[in-house]
Amino acid sequence: MAELATYTKGGVAAVLLALLLGACATAPVQEMSDARQTVEAARQAGAAERAPALLEEAERLLEQAERALEARRFREAREAALRARERAAQARREAAGR
């Protein structure tokens, strides 16, 4: 019985590890879309004039994410896209005077 419990724990750990690795190995489609939309929203809000440094950083991060995506470096692409979205949101808030 103890052997079965040990085997089951190991199996669960292996499945969890596979799921975690699998999540990192897929293309960050949603993150890329969110980042592109947020960058565009910041542009539309006037961030190029009122928060240019933040908008430029968001655009640079988005370009970095796109290059990583093309090279199939999905984890790097996901991280850069998330940072791009964050910077673009900051730029939009600053442009709106919030």
Protein backbone atom coordinates (compact mmCIF):
# COMPACT_ATOMS: atom_id res chain seq x y z
CA MET A 1 0.00 0.00 0.00
CA ALA A 2 2.82 2.42 0.86
CA GLU A 3 4.42 1.65 -2.51
CA LEU A 4 1.19 2.61 -4.30
CA ALA A 5 1.01 5.94 -2.41
CA THR A 6 4.62 6.74 -3.31
CA TYR A 7 4.01 5.78 -6.94
CA THR A 8 0.86 7.90 -7.08
CA LYS A 9 2.63 10.95 -5.59
CA GLY A 10 5.38 10.60 -8.15
CA GLY A 11 2.84 10.28 -10.95
CA VAL A 12 0.97 13.37 -9.82
CA ALA A 13 4.21 15.34 -9.62
CA ALA A 14 5.18 14.22 -13.13
CA VAL A 15 1.79 15.23 -14.52
CA LEU A 16 1.97 18.64 -12.84
CA LEU A 17 5.48 19.18 -14.19
CA ALA A 18 4.38 18.22 -17.69
CA LEU A 19 1.45 20.64 -17.51
CA LEU A 20 3.70 23.44 -16.28
CA LEU A 21 6.24 22.85 -19.02
CA GLY A 22 3.50 22.51 -21.60
CA ALA A 23 2.04 25.87 -20.62
CA CYS A 24 5.41 27.49 -21.23
CA ALA A 25 5.87 25.71 -24.55
CA THR A 26 2.78 27.09 -26.25
CA ALA A 27 2.69 30.28 -28.27
CA PRO A 28 1.52 33.24 -26.19
CA VAL A 29 -1.29 34.17 -28.57
CA GLN A 30 -3.50 35.89 -26.00
CA GLU A 31 -0.63 37.79 -24.40
CA MET A 32 0.54 39.06 -27.79
CA SER A 33 -2.97 40.16 -28.73
CA ASP A 34 -3.47 41.91 -25.40
CA ALA A 35 -0.15 43.72 -25.74
CA ARG A 36 -0.90 44.88 -29.30
CA GLN A 37 -4.35 46.14 -28.32
CA THR A 38 -3.04 47.98 -25.26
CA VAL A 39 -0.24 49.63 -27.25
CA GLU A 40 -2.77 50.77 -29.84
CA ALA A 41 -5.08 52.07 -27.11
CA ALA A 42 -2.19 54.06 -25.65
CA ARG A 43 -1.46 55.57 -29.07
CA GLN A 44 -5.13 56.48 -29.49
CA ALA A 45 -5.12 58.13 -26.05
CA GLY A 46 -2.29 60.43 -27.10
CA ALA A 47 0.58 58.71 -25.33
CA ALA A 48 2.99 59.60 -28.16
CA GLU A 49 2.68 63.24 -27.09
CA ARG A 50 1.95 62.92 -23.35
CA ALA A 51 3.89 59.79 -22.33
CA PRO A 52 6.40 59.17 -25.12
CA ALA A 53 9.02 57.34 -23.05
CA LEU A 54 6.51 54.81 -21.73
CA LEU A 55 4.96 54.29 -25.16
CA GLU A 56 8.37 53.83 -26.78
CA GLU A 57 9.31 51.26 -24.13
CA ALA A 58 6.03 49.41 -24.70
CA GLU A 59 6.63 49.38 -28.46
CA ARG A 60 10.20 48.17 -27.97
CA LEU A 61 9.02 45.37 -25.70
CA LEU A 62 6.30 44.41 -28.17
CA GLU A 63 8.88 44.22 -30.98
CA GLN A 64 11.07 42.09 -28.71
CA ALA A 65 8.11 39.80 -28.05
CA GLU A 66 7.39 39.50 -31.77
CA ARG A 67 11.01 38.58 -32.54
CA ALA A 68 11.00 35.98 -29.76
CA LEU A 69 7.70 34.57 -31.03
CA GLU A 70 9.10 34.23 -34.55
CA ALA A 71 12.11 32.40 -33.10
CA ARG A 72 9.74 30.12 -31.12
CA ARG A 73 11.13 31.35 -27.80
CA PHE A 74 7.67 31.34 -26.29
CA ARG A 75 8.56 32.02 -22.66
CA GLU A 76 10.61 35.07 -23.65
CA ALA A 77 7.81 36.22 -25.97
CA ARG A 78 5.21 35.85 -23.22
CA GLU A 79 7.28 37.78 -20.68
CA ALA A 80 8.04 40.62 -23.11
CA ALA A 81 4.39 40.82 -24.19
CA LEU A 82 3.24 41.06 -20.58
CA ARG A 83 5.76 43.83 -19.88
CA ALA A 84 4.73 45.62 -23.09
CA ARG A 85 1.08 45.53 -22.04
CA GLU A 86 1.98 46.87 -18.60
CA ARG A 87 4.03 49.78 -20.00
CA ALA A 88 1.37 50.59 -22.59
CA ALA A 89 -1.30 50.66 -19.88
CA GLN A 90 0.87 53.04 -17.85
CA ALA A 91 1.35 55.23 -20.92
CA ARG A 92 -2.40 55.28 -21.55
CA ARG A 93 -3.15 56.25 -17.94
CA GLU A 94 -0.51 58.98 -18.03
CA ALA A 95 -1.84 60.29 -21.35
CA ALA A 96 -5.34 60.40 -19.89
CA GLY A 97 -4.04 62.35 -16.89
CA ARG A 98 -4.78 59.63 -14.34
